Amino acid sequence: RDNVKNTVYLQMNSLKAEDTAVYYCNTKTRND
């Protein structure tokens, strides 16, 4: 995460065909 930019990252290396998908960002506080 970058607390200045209010951004969360997912670095993906050595990708495989099995990683093919729609990726969703999620955050949970009092609500999802």
All heavy atoms as atom14 arrays in JSON, in Angstrom:
{
  "sequence": "RDNVKNTVYLQMNSLKAEDTAVYYCNTKTRND",
  "atom14_mask": [
    [1, 1, 1, 1, 1, 1, 1, 1, 1, 1, 1, 0, 0, 0],
    [1, 1, 1, 1, 1, 1, 1, 1, 0, 0, 0, 0, 0, 0],
    [1, 1, 1, 1, 1, 1, 1, 1, 0, 0, 0, 0, 0, 0],
    [1, 1, 1, 1, 1, 1, 1, 0, 0, 0, 0, 0, 0, 0],
    [1, 1, 1, 1, 1, 1, 1, 1, 1, 0, 0, 0, 0, 0],
    [1, 1, 1, 1, 1, 1, 1, 1, 0, 0, 0, 0, 0, 0],
    [1, 1, 1, 1, 1, 1, 1, 0, 0, 0, 0, 0, 0, 0],
    [1, 1, 1, 1, 1, 1, 1, 0, 0, 0, 0, 0, 0, 0],
    [1, 1, 1, 1, 1, 1, 1, 1, 1, 1, 1, 1, 0, 0],
    [1, 1, 1, 1, 1, 1, 1, 1, 0, 0, 0, 0, 0, 0],
    [1, 1, 1, 1, 1, 1, 1, 1, 1, 0, 0, 0, 0, 0],
    [1, 1, 1, 1, 1, 1, 1, 1, 0, 0, 0, 0, 0, 0],
    [1, 1, 1, 1, 1, 1, 1, 1, 0, 0, 0, 0, 0, 0],
    [1, 1, 1, 1, 1, 1, 0, 0, 0, 0, 0, 0, 0, 0],
    [1, 1, 1, 1, 1, 1, 1, 1, 0, 0, 0, 0, 0, 0],
    [1, 1, 1, 1, 1, 1, 1, 1, 1, 0, 0, 0, 0, 0],
    [1, 1, 1, 1, 1, 0, 0, 0, 0, 0, 0, 0, 0, 0],
    [1, 1, 1, 1, 1, 1, 1, 1, 1, 0, 0, 0, 0, 0],
    [1, 1, 1, 1, 1, 1, 1, 1, 0, 0, 0, 0, 0, 0],
    [1, 1, 1, 1, 1, 1, 1, 0, 0, 0, 0, 0, 0, 0],
    [1, 1, 1, 1, 1, 0, 0, 0, 0, 0, 0, 0, 0, 0],
    [1, 1, 1, 1, 1, 1, 1, 0, 0, 0, 0, 0, 0, 0],
    [1, 1, 1, 1, 1, 1, 1, 1, 1, 1, 1, 1, 0, 0],
    [1, 1, 1, 1, 1, 1, 1, 1, 1, 1, 1, 1, 0, 0],
    [1, 1, 1, 1, 1, 1, 0, 0, 0, 0, 0, 0, 0, 0],
    [1, 1, 1, 1, 1, 1, 1, 1, 0, 0, 0, 0, 0, 0],
    [1, 1, 1, 1, 1, 1, 1, 0, 0, 0, 0, 0, 0, 0],
    [1, 1, 1, 1, 1, 1, 1, 1, 1, 0, 0, 0, 0, 0],
    [1, 1, 1, 1, 1, 1, 1, 0, 0, 0, 0, 0, 0, 0],
    [1, 1, 1, 1, 1, 1, 1, 1, 1, 1, 1, 0, 0, 0],
    [1, 1, 1, 1, 1, 1, 1, 1, 0, 0, 0, 0, 0, 0],
    [1, 1, 1, 1, 1, 1, 1, 1, 0, 0, 0, 0, 0, 0]
  ],
  "atom14_positions": [
    [[0.83, -1.2, 0.0], [0.0, 0.0, 0.0], [0.86, 1.25, 0.0], [1.99, 1.26, 0.49], [-0.95, 0.01, 1.21], [-0.23, 0.1, 2.55], [-1.15, -0.22, 3.71], [-2.19, 0.78, 3.88], [-3.3, 0.58, 4.6], [-3.51, -0.6, 5.18], [-4.19, 1.55, 4.73], [0.0, 0.0, 0.0], [0.0, 0.0, 0.0], [0.0, 0.0, 0.0]],
    [[0.31, 2.32, -0.53], [0.93, 3.64, -0.52], [-0.04, 4.56, 0.21], [-1.11, 4.88, -0.32], [1.19, 4.12, -1.94], [1.94, 5.44, -1.98], [1.76, 6.28, -1.1], [2.74, 5.63, -2.93], [0.0, 0.0, 0.0], [0.0, 0.0, 0.0], [0.0, 0.0, 0.0], [0.0, 0.0, 0.0], [0.0, 0.0, 0.0], [0.0, 0.0, 0.0]],
    [[0.33, 4.99, 1.4], [-0.56, 5.79, 2.22], [-0.67, 7.25, 1.78], [-1.56, 7.96, 2.23], [-0.12, 5.74, 3.68], [-0.29, 4.36, 4.29], [-1.21, 3.62, 3.93], [0.58, 4.01, 5.22], [0.0, 0.0, 0.0], [0.0, 0.0, 0.0], [0.0, 0.0, 0.0], [0.0, 0.0, 0.0], [0.0, 0.0, 0.0], [0.0, 0.0, 0.0]],
    [[0.23, 7.67, 0.92], [0.16, 9.02, 0.37], [-0.84, 9.07, -0.78], [-1.65, 9.99, -0.89], [1.54, 9.52, -0.09], [1.41, 10.88, -0.78], [2.49, 9.6, 1.09], [0.0, 0.0, 0.0], [0.0, 0.0, 0.0], [0.0, 0.0, 0.0], [0.0, 0.0, 0.0], [0.0, 0.0, 0.0], [0.0, 0.0, 0.0], [0.0, 0.0, 0.0]],
    [[-0.77, 8.06, -1.64], [-1.66, 7.99, -2.79], [-2.96, 7.27, -2.51], [-3.82, 7.19, -3.39], [-0.95, 7.31, -3.95], [0.27, 8.06, -4.46], [0.89, 7.35, -5.65], [2.06, 8.11, -6.21], [2.66, 7.43, -7.38], [0.0, 0.0, 0.0], [0.0, 0.0, 0.0], [0.0, 0.0, 0.0], [0.0, 0.0, 0.0], [0.0, 0.0, 0.0]],
    [[-3.11, 6.72, -1.31], [-4.31, 5.95, -0.96], [-4.56, 4.84, -1.98], [-5.67, 4.69, -2.5], [-5.53, 6.87, -0.85], [-5.38, 7.91, 0.23], [-5.01, 7.61, 1.35], [-5.68, 9.16, -0.11], [0.0, 0.0, 0.0], [0.0, 0.0, 0.0], [0.0, 0.0, 0.0], [0.0, 0.0, 0.0], [0.0, 0.0, 0.0], [0.0, 0.0, 0.0]],
    [[-3.53, 4.07, -2.24], [-3.57, 3.05, -3.27], [-3.01, 1.74, -2.75], [-2.01, 1.72, -2.03], [-2.77, 3.5, -4.5], [-3.33, 4.71, -5.02], [-2.79, 2.44, -5.59], [0.0, 0.0, 0.0], [0.0, 0.0, 0.0], [0.0, 0.0, 0.0], [0.0, 0.0, 0.0], [0.0, 0.0, 0.0], [0.0, 0.0, 0.0], [0.0, 0.0, 0.0]],
    [[-3.66, 0.65, -3.12], [-3.17, -0.68, -2.81], [-2.73, -1.34, -4.11], [-3.36, -1.15, -5.16], [-4.24, -1.53, -2.08], [-5.49, -1.69, -2.93], [-3.68, -2.89, -1.71], [0.0, 0.0, 0.0], [0.0, 0.0, 0.0], [0.0, 0.0, 0.0], [0.0, 0.0, 0.0], [0.0, 0.0, 0.0], [0.0, 0.0, 0.0], [0.0, 0.0, 0.0]],
    [[-1.63, -2.09, -4.05], [-1.06, -2.71, -5.23], [-1.01, -4.23, -5.09], [-0.94, -4.77, -3.99], [0.37, -2.22, -5.47], [0.5, -0.72, -5.61], [0.83, 0.07, -4.53], [0.29, -0.11, -6.84], [0.96, 1.44, -4.65], [0.41, 1.26, -6.98], [0.75, 2.03, -5.89], [0.87, 3.39, -6.03], [0.0, 0.0, 0.0], [0.0, 0.0, 0.0]],
    [[-1.01, -4.89, -6.22], [-0.75, -6.32, -6.27], [0.3, -6.55, -7.34], [0.01, -6.44, -8.54], [-2.01, -7.12, -6.58], [-1.83, -8.64, -6.57], [-1.53, -9.13, -5.15], [-3.07, -9.35, -7.11], [0.0, 0.0, 0.0], [0.0, 0.0, 0.0], [0.0, 0.0, 0.0], [0.0, 0.0, 0.0], [0.0, 0.0, 0.0], [0.0, 0.0, 0.0]],
    [[1.52, -6.85, -6.92], [2.59, -7.18, -7.84], [2.54, -8.66, -8.12], [2.61, -9.47, -7.2], [3.95, -6.81, -7.23], [5.14, -7.15, -8.11], [5.19, -6.34, -9.38], [5.02, -5.13, -9.35], [5.41, -7.01, -10.51], [0.0, 0.0, 0.0], [0.0, 0.0, 0.0], [0.0, 0.0, 0.0], [0.0, 0.0, 0.0], [0.0, 0.0, 0.0]],
    [[2.41, -9.02, -9.39], [2.28, -10.41, -9.8], [3.46, -10.79, -10.67], [3.65, -10.22, -11.74], [0.97, -10.63, -10.55], [-0.26, -10.18, -9.77], [-1.82, -10.56, -10.62], [-1.68, -9.45, -12.02], [0.0, 0.0, 0.0], [0.0, 0.0, 0.0], [0.0, 0.0, 0.0], [0.0, 0.0, 0.0], [0.0, 0.0, 0.0], [0.0, 0.0, 0.0]],
    [[4.24, -11.75, -10.21], [5.41, -12.23, -10.93], [5.23, -13.7, -11.28], [4.41, -14.4, -10.7], [6.68, -12.05, -10.1], [6.97, -10.62, -9.76], [6.73, -9.71, -10.56], [7.52, -10.39, -8.57], [0.0, 0.0, 0.0], [0.0, 0.0, 0.0], [0.0, 0.0, 0.0], [0.0, 0.0, 0.0], [0.0, 0.0, 0.0], [0.0, 0.0, 0.0]],
    [[6.03, -14.16, -12.22], [6.0, -15.57, -12.66], [4.58, -16.02, -12.94], [4.13, -17.07, -12.48], [6.64, -16.46, -11.59], [7.98, -16.08, -11.35], [0.0, 0.0, 0.0], [0.0, 0.0, 0.0], [0.0, 0.0, 0.0], [0.0, 0.0, 0.0], [0.0, 0.0, 0.0], [0.0, 0.0, 0.0], [0.0, 0.0, 0.0], [0.0, 0.0, 0.0]],
    [[3.87, -15.24, -13.71], [2.47, -15.51, -13.98], [2.26, -16.81, -14.75], [3.07, -17.18, -15.61], [1.85, -14.35, -14.74], [1.54, -13.12, -13.88], [1.35, -11.89, -14.75], [0.3, -13.38, -13.04], [0.0, 0.0, 0.0], [0.0, 0.0, 0.0], [0.0, 0.0, 0.0], [0.0, 0.0, 0.0], [0.0, 0.0, 0.0], [0.0, 0.0, 0.0]],
    [[1.17, -17.48, -14.42], [0.79, -18.74, -15.04], [-0.57, -18.58, -15.72], [-1.34, -17.69, -15.38], [0.7, -19.85, -14.0], [1.93, -20.02, -13.14], [1.66, -21.03, -12.03], [2.87, -21.2, -11.13], [2.6, -22.17, -10.03], [0.0, 0.0, 0.0], [0.0, 0.0, 0.0], [0.0, 0.0, 0.0], [0.0, 0.0, 0.0], [0.0, 0.0, 0.0]],
    [[-0.86, -19.47, -16.65], [-2.16, -19.44, -17.31], [-3.3, -19.56, -16.31], [-4.37, -18.97, -16.5], [-2.25, -20.57, -18.34], [0.0, 0.0, 0.0], [0.0, 0.0, 0.0], [0.0, 0.0, 0.0], [0.0, 0.0, 0.0], [0.0, 0.0, 0.0], [0.0, 0.0, 0.0], [0.0, 0.0, 0.0], [0.0, 0.0, 0.0], [0.0, 0.0, 0.0]],
    [[-3.06, -20.27, -15.22], [-4.05, -20.46, -14.18], [-4.41, -19.16, -13.45], [-5.44, -19.09, -12.78], [-3.55, -21.5, -13.17], [-4.56, -21.96, -12.16], [-4.05, -23.1, -11.31], [-3.35, -23.98, -11.86], [-4.33, -23.12, -10.1], [0.0, 0.0, 0.0], [0.0, 0.0, 0.0], [0.0, 0.0, 0.0], [0.0, 0.0, 0.0], [0.0, 0.0, 0.0]],
    [[-3.57, -18.15, -13.59], [-3.83, -16.86, -12.95], [-4.83, -16.01, -13.72], [-5.24, -14.95, -13.25], [-2.52, -16.07, -12.78], [-1.54, -16.75, -11.84], [-1.98, -17.26, -10.79], [-0.34, -16.76, -12.17], [0.0, 0.0, 0.0], [0.0, 0.0, 0.0], [0.0, 0.0, 0.0], [0.0, 0.0, 0.0], [0.0, 0.0, 0.0], [0.0, 0.0, 0.0]],
    [[-5.2, -16.45, -14.9], [-6.17, -15.72, -15.71], [-7.5, -15.59, -14.97], [-8.08, -16.58, -14.56], [-6.39, -16.42, -17.06], [-5.18, -16.39, -17.82], [-7.49, -15.72, -17.85], [0.0, 0.0, 0.0], [0.0, 0.0, 0.0], [0.0, 0.0, 0.0], [0.0, 0.0, 0.0], [0.0, 0.0, 0.0], [0.0, 0.0, 0.0], [0.0, 0.0, 0.0]],
    [[-7.95, -14.36, -14.79], [-9.17, -14.1, -14.04], [-9.47, -12.61, -14.05], [-8.65, -11.8, -14.49], [-9.02, -14.58, -12.59], [0.0, 0.0, 0.0], [0.0, 0.0, 0.0], [0.0, 0.0, 0.0], [0.0, 0.0, 0.0], [0.0, 0.0, 0.0], [0.0, 0.0, 0.0], [0.0, 0.0, 0.0], [0.0, 0.0, 0.0], [0.0, 0.0, 0.0]],
    [[-10.64, -12.27, -13.55], [-10.94, -10.88, -13.25], [-10.51, -10.64, -11.81], [-10.92, -11.38, -10.91], [-12.43, -10.56, -13.43], [-12.72, -9.11, -13.02], [-12.87, -10.79, -14.87], [0.0, 0.0, 0.0], [0.0, 0.0, 0.0], [0.0, 0.0, 0.0], [0.0, 0.0, 0.0], [0.0, 0.0, 0.0], [0.0, 0.0, 0.0], [0.0, 0.0, 0.0]],
    [[-9.72, -9.62, -11.6], [-9.21, -9.31, -10.27], [-9.96, -8.13, -9.68], [-10.16, -7.11, -10.33], [-7.71, -8.99, -10.33], [-6.87, -10.23, -10.5], [-6.85, -10.93, -11.71], [-6.1, -10.73, -9.44], [-6.1, -12.08, -11.86], [-5.34, -11.88, -9.59], [-5.35, -12.55, -10.8], [-4.6, -13.7, -10.96], [0.0, 0.0, 0.0], [0.0, 0.0, 0.0]],
    [[-10.36, -8.28, -8.42], [-11.16, -7.27, -7.73], [-10.45, -6.75, -6.49], [-9.92, -7.53, -5.69], [-12.5, -7.85, -7.29], [-13.39, -8.32, -8.41], [-13.31, -9.62, -8.89], [-14.3, -7.45, -9.01], [-14.13, -10.06, -9.91], [-15.12, -7.88, -10.03], [-15.04, -9.18, -10.48], [-15.85, -9.61, -11.5], [0.0, 0.0, 0.0], [0.0, 0.0, 0.0]],
    [[-10.47, -5.46, -6.32], [-9.98, -4.82, -5.12], [-11.1, -4.77, -4.09], [-12.26, -4.54, -4.43], [-9.5, -3.41, -5.45], [-8.81, -2.49, -4.07], [0.0, 0.0, 0.0], [0.0, 0.0, 0.0], [0.0, 0.0, 0.0], [0.0, 0.0, 0.0], [0.0, 0.0, 0.0], [0.0, 0.0, 0.0], [0.0, 0.0, 0.0], [0.0, 0.0, 0.0]],
    [[-10.74, -5.0, -2.83], [-11.73, -5.01, -1.76], [-11.19, -4.31, -0.53], [-10.01, -4.43, -0.2], [-12.11, -6.45, -1.42], [-12.86, -6.58, -0.1], [-12.27, -6.88, 0.93], [-14.16, -6.35, -0.14], [0.0, 0.0, 0.0], [0.0, 0.0, 0.0], [0.0, 0.0, 0.0], [0.0, 0.0, 0.0], [0.0, 0.0, 0.0], [0.0, 0.0, 0.0]],
    [[-12.05, -3.6, 0.17], [-11.68, -3.01, 1.45], [-12.83, -3.18, 2.43], [-14.0, -3.13, 2.04], [-11.29, -1.53, 1.31], [-10.85, -1.03, 2.58], [-12.47, -0.69, 0.83], [0.0, 0.0, 0.0], [0.0, 0.0, 0.0], [0.0, 0.0, 0.0], [0.0, 0.0, 0.0], [0.0, 0.0, 0.0], [0.0, 0.0, 0.0], [0.0, 0.0, 0.0]],
    [[-12.47, -3.4, 3.68], [-13.48, -3.65, 4.7], [-13.26, -2.73, 5.89], [-12.19, -2.72, 6.5], [-13.42, -5.1, 5.17], [-14.46, -5.45, 6.22], [-14.37, -6.93, 6.59], [-15.41, -7.3, 7.63], [-15.33, -8.74, 7.99], [0.0, 0.0, 0.0], [0.0, 0.0, 0.0], [0.0, 0.0, 0.0], [0.0, 0.0, 0.0], [0.0, 0.0, 0.0]],
    [[-14.27, -1.97, 6.22], [-14.28, -1.16, 7.44], [-15.51, -1.6, 8.22], [-15.56, -2.74, 8.69], [-14.32, 0.34, 7.1], [-15.43, 0.62, 6.24], [-13.04, 0.77, 6.4], [0.0, 0.0, 0.0], [0.0, 0.0, 0.0], [0.0, 0.0, 0.0], [0.0, 0.0, 0.0], [0.0, 0.0, 0.0], [0.0, 0.0, 0.0], [0.0, 0.0, 0.0]],
    [[-16.48, -0.74, 8.36], [-17.76, -1.15, 8.91], [-18.6, -1.81, 7.83], [-19.57, -2.51, 8.13], [-18.51, 0.06, 9.49], [-17.8, 0.7, 10.68], [-18.45, 2.0, 11.08], [-19.82, 1.81, 11.55], [-20.62, 2.78, 11.94], [-20.18, 4.04, 11.91], [-21.85, 2.52, 12.35], [0.0, 0.0, 0.0], [0.0, 0.0, 0.0], [0.0, 0.0, 0.0]],
    [[-18.22, -1.6, 6.6], [-18.88, -2.18, 5.44], [-17.84, -2.72, 4.46], [-16.66, -2.4, 4.55], [-19.75, -1.15, 4.72], [-20.84, -0.59, 5.6], [-21.75, -1.3, 5.99], [-20.74, 0.69, 5.91], [0.0, 0.0, 0.0], [0.0, 0.0, 0.0], [0.0, 0.0, 0.0], [0.0, 0.0, 0.0], [0.0, 0.0, 0.0], [0.0, 0.0, 0.0]],
    [[-18.29, -3.57, 3.53], [-17.45, -4.07, 2.47], [-17.63, -3.22, 1.22], [-18.75, -2.86, 0.85], [-17.8, -5.51, 2.12], [-17.01, -6.53, 2.91], [-15.78, -6.34, 3.05], [-17.6, -7.52, 3.37], [0.0, 0.0, 0.0], [0.0, 0.0, 0.0], [0.0, 0.0, 0.0], [0.0, 0.0, 0.0], [0.0, 0.0, 0.0], [0.0, 0.0, 0.0]]
  ]
}
